[in-house]
C-alpha cells in the first residue's frame, strides 16, 4: 500500500500555472472544477479527527502546507481517474471491499484506522477514493511489469504517464495555494525559498 500511495501522491500533474478565473475554484482539471469548498471541507474533517486523536508524536501538516496537500490530493485523484478511463481500467466495489479488508488486516483492524488516517493527513470521507487510486495505480504497475519493465522502471513510467495526462488536461490552480512546478509535479508555495535570499 505504501508503495502505491507514495507513487500516487507524487505524480500529480502538468503545467506551470496561473490563477483560476473563478475564485470559488481551488483548481480546474480539464473541464472539472475542484471547488474551494471541497478542499475546505476535507481540511475541516482532518482537523476534527485530529482533535479526537493523540497527535503528540506525529509530525503533521498545518496552515498553507495542509491547504496545498489537500488540493494536491484532489488533483492527483482526478488525473489518475482520467488515466484509468484512457487505459480502460475498471475498479469494482468487490475489489474496493477486498482491498479495504486487506489494509485493515495490515494496520491492526478498524480501531486503528482513525489514527492511521490522521497520521497520513487523510480525511475519512476520502477513504474510498484513496482505495480506488491505490487499485488503479496497482493495475498500471502490473501492466507495466507485465510488459517487461522492472518495478522501479514501472513506477517511473507511471509518473511520466500521469504528468503527460496532466499537461493534456491543462490544470489551473488558484494562486492562493501557490504555484505549480511541472518539473517536480508538486504545488509549491508562492515563495518556494520561504523568504531566503539567493545570491
Protein backbone atom coordinates (compact mmCIF):
# COMPACT_ATOMS: atom_id res chain seq x y z
CA UNK A 1 0.00 0.00 0.00
CA UNK A 2 2.75 2.44 0.96
CA UNK A 3 4.46 1.98 -2.41
CA UNK A 4 1.30 2.64 -4.42
CA UNK A 5 0.22 5.58 -2.25
CA UNK A 6 3.69 7.12 -2.48
CA UNK A 7 3.62 6.92 -6.27
CA UNK A 8 0.10 8.32 -6.41
CA UNK A 9 0.86 11.22 -4.09
CA UNK A 10 3.97 12.23 -6.01
CA UNK A 11 2.64 12.11 -9.55
CA UNK A 12 0.04 14.85 -9.51
CA UNK A 13 0.12 16.97 -12.73
CA UNK A 14 1.43 19.19 -15.50
CA UNK A 15 1.71 22.83 -16.45
CA UNK A 16 3.22 25.85 -14.74
CA UNK A 17 0.08 27.62 -13.66
CA UNK A 18 -1.51 31.00 -13.25
CA UNK A 19 -4.68 31.63 -11.24
CA UNK A 20 -8.21 30.33 -11.69
CA UNK A 21 -10.59 32.80 -13.22
CA UNK A 22 -13.31 31.58 -10.86
CA UNK A 23 -12.14 32.39 -7.33
CA UNK A 24 -14.56 29.83 -5.87
CA UNK A 25 -12.37 27.22 -7.56
CA UNK A 26 -9.29 25.82 -5.90
CA UNK A 27 -8.30 24.35 -9.26
CA UNK A 28 -9.66 23.16 -12.57
CA UNK A 29 -8.54 19.88 -14.12
CA UNK A 30 -9.62 19.82 -17.73
CA UNK A 31 -13.33 20.58 -17.55
CA UNK A 32 -13.65 19.55 -13.91
CA UNK A 33 -13.79 22.10 -11.12
CA UNK A 34 -12.26 21.39 -7.71
CA UNK A 35 -14.10 23.84 -5.51
CA UNK A 36 -12.72 25.73 -2.56
CA UNK A 37 -15.49 24.10 -0.51
CA UNK A 38 -14.23 20.60 -1.35
CA UNK A 39 -10.77 21.46 -0.08
CA UNK A 40 -12.06 23.36 2.95
CA UNK A 41 -14.41 20.54 3.93
CA UNK A 42 -11.59 18.00 3.67
CA UNK A 43 -9.34 20.15 5.86
CA UNK A 44 -12.12 20.69 8.42
CA UNK A 45 -12.67 16.94 8.61
CA UNK A 46 -8.95 16.29 9.11
CA UNK A 47 -8.74 18.89 11.87
CA UNK A 48 -11.82 17.45 13.58
CA UNK A 49 -10.25 13.98 13.54
CA UNK A 50 -7.00 15.38 14.95
CA UNK A 51 -8.93 16.86 17.87
CA UNK A 52 -10.05 13.33 18.83
CA UNK A 53 -6.58 11.79 18.48
CA UNK A 54 -3.32 11.91 20.42
CA UNK A 55 -1.09 13.62 17.86
CA UNK A 56 1.79 14.41 20.23
CA UNK A 57 4.15 12.00 18.46
CA UNK A 58 3.03 12.89 14.93
CA UNK A 59 4.58 15.40 12.55
CA UNK A 60 1.51 16.91 10.90
CA UNK A 61 0.99 19.50 8.20
CA UNK A 62 -0.76 22.73 9.08
CA UNK A 63 -1.58 26.11 7.53
CA UNK A 64 -0.59 26.59 3.89
CA UNK A 65 1.15 23.22 3.72
CA UNK A 66 -2.09 21.48 4.69
CA UNK A 67 -4.02 23.54 2.13
CA UNK A 68 -1.59 22.55 -0.62
CA UNK A 69 -1.55 18.86 0.28
CA UNK A 70 -5.33 18.60 0.23
CA UNK A 71 -5.63 20.34 -3.13
CA UNK A 72 -2.87 18.10 -4.47
CA UNK A 73 -4.85 15.09 -3.23
CA UNK A 74 -7.93 16.05 -5.26
CA UNK A 75 -5.92 16.96 -8.36
CA UNK A 76 -3.99 13.68 -8.23
CA UNK A 77 -7.19 11.66 -7.87
CA UNK A 78 -8.76 13.32 -10.90
CA UNK A 79 -5.71 12.83 -13.10
CA UNK A 80 -5.35 9.17 -12.16
CA UNK A 81 -9.06 8.64 -12.84
CA UNK A 82 -8.56 10.15 -16.30
CA UNK A 83 -5.60 7.82 -16.92
CA UNK A 84 -7.79 4.89 -15.86
CA UNK A 85 -10.51 5.91 -18.31
CA UNK A 86 -7.99 6.20 -21.14
CA UNK A 87 -6.48 2.79 -20.32
CA UNK A 88 -9.92 1.21 -19.77
CA UNK A 89 -9.11 0.30 -16.16
CA UNK A 90 -12.18 -0.60 -14.14
CA UNK A 91 -12.36 -0.83 -10.34
CA UNK A 92 -15.26 -2.80 -8.89
CA UNK A 93 -16.87 -2.45 -5.49
CA UNK A 94 -15.78 -6.01 -4.73
CA UNK A 95 -12.15 -5.03 -5.37
CA UNK A 96 -12.50 -1.99 -3.09
CA UNK A 97 -14.06 -4.13 -0.35
CA UNK A 98 -11.32 -6.75 -0.63
CA UNK A 99 -8.62 -4.10 -0.58
CA UNK A 100 -10.15 -2.46 2.48
CA UNK A 101 -10.14 -5.81 4.29
CA UNK A 102 -6.50 -6.32 3.32
CA UNK A 103 -5.45 -2.87 4.55
CA UNK A 104 -7.36 -3.22 7.82
CA UNK A 105 -5.58 -6.52 8.38
CA UNK A 106 -2.21 -4.83 7.85
CA UNK A 107 -2.82 -1.92 10.22
CA UNK A 108 -4.42 -3.86 13.07
CA UNK A 109 -8.12 -3.63 12.30
CA UNK A 110 -10.84 -0.99 12.15
CA UNK A 111 -9.98 0.59 15.53
CA UNK A 112 -6.53 1.56 14.20
CA UNK A 113 -7.89 3.30 11.09
CA UNK A 114 -8.58 6.77 12.59
CA UNK A 115 -5.00 7.12 13.85
CA UNK A 116 -3.59 5.94 10.52
CA UNK A 117 -5.68 8.48 8.59
CA UNK A 118 -4.75 11.32 10.95
CA UNK A 119 -1.06 10.46 10.66
CA UNK A 120 -1.36 10.36 6.85
CA UNK A 121 -3.37 13.64 6.71
CA UNK A 122 -6.31 11.96 5.01
CA UNK A 123 -9.99 12.68 5.59
CA UNK A 124 -12.13 9.61 6.40
CA UNK A 125 -14.71 10.64 3.78
CA UNK A 126 -11.99 10.32 1.11
CA UNK A 127 -11.14 6.72 2.02
CA UNK A 128 -12.93 5.10 -0.93
CA UNK A 129 -11.16 7.50 -3.31
CA UNK A 130 -7.84 6.55 -1.71
CA UNK A 131 -8.59 2.86 -2.21
CA UNK A 132 -9.66 3.42 -5.83
CA UNK A 133 -6.47 5.35 -6.53
CA UNK A 134 -4.30 2.65 -4.97
CA UNK A 135 -6.03 -0.03 -7.03
CA UNK A 136 -5.71 1.93 -10.28
CA UNK A 137 -2.00 2.52 -9.66
CA UNK A 138 -1.57 -1.17 -8.80
CA UNK A 139 -3.13 -2.17 -12.12
CA UNK A 140 -0.99 0.32 -14.02
CA UNK A 141 2.07 -1.04 -12.25
CA UNK A 142 1.09 -4.63 -13.03
CA UNK A 143 0.59 -3.80 -16.70
CA UNK A 144 3.99 -2.09 -16.82
CA UNK A 145 5.81 -5.02 -15.21
CA UNK A 146 3.94 -7.46 -17.47
CA UNK A 147 5.38 -5.53 -20.42
CA UNK A 148 8.88 -6.27 -19.17
CA UNK A 149 9.70 -3.22 -17.03
CA UNK A 150 11.32 -3.58 -13.64
CA UNK A 151 9.31 -2.47 -10.62
CA UNK A 152 11.39 0.72 -10.33
CA UNK A 153 11.04 1.50 -14.04
CA UNK A 154 7.30 0.81 -13.82
CA UNK A 155 6.98 3.47 -11.10
CA UNK A 156 8.86 5.98 -13.25
CA UNK A 157 6.70 5.14 -16.27
CA UNK A 158 3.50 5.69 -14.26
CA UNK A 159 4.78 9.05 -13.03
CA UNK A 160 5.50 10.15 -16.59
CA UNK A 161 2.15 8.87 -17.82
CA UNK A 162 0.29 10.89 -15.19
CA UNK A 163 2.38 14.03 -15.78
CA UNK A 164 1.68 13.86 -19.52
CA UNK A 165 -2.04 13.37 -18.86
CA UNK A 166 -1.98 16.41 -16.57
CA UNK A 167 -0.39 18.53 -19.29
CA UNK A 168 -3.12 17.48 -21.70
CA UNK A 169 -5.81 18.39 -19.16
CA UNK A 170 -4.41 21.94 -18.72
CA UNK A 171 -4.67 22.26 -14.95
CA UNK A 172 -5.14 25.73 -13.45
CA UNK A 173 -4.56 26.43 -9.75
CA UNK A 174 -5.92 29.27 -7.64
CA UNK A 175 -2.83 31.35 -6.68
CA UNK A 176 -3.99 31.24 -3.06
CA UNK A 177 -2.49 27.74 -2.96
CA UNK A 178 0.84 28.65 -4.57
CA UNK A 179 2.20 27.72 -7.98
CA UNK A 180 2.73 24.58 -9.98
CA UNK A 181 6.21 23.18 -10.60
CA UNK A 182 5.97 20.93 -13.63
CA UNK A 183 9.47 19.52 -13.02
CA UNK A 184 8.67 18.16 -9.56
CA UNK A 185 4.91 17.67 -10.16
CA UNK A 186 4.11 19.48 -6.92
CA UNK A 187 2.18 22.54 -5.82
CA UNK A 188 4.78 24.84 -4.28
CA UNK A 189 4.45 27.83 -2.00
CA UNK A 190 4.39 31.07 -3.97
CA UNK A 191 7.76 31.83 -2.34
CA UNK A 192 9.43 28.45 -2.61
CA UNK A 193 12.50 29.79 -0.81
CA UNK A 194 10.42 30.68 2.27
CA UNK A 195 11.98 34.11 2.27
CA UNK A 196 15.59 33.00 1.83
CA UNK A 197 17.81 35.35 -0.14
CA UNK A 198 19.52 33.72 -3.08
CA UNK A 199 22.90 35.07 -4.22
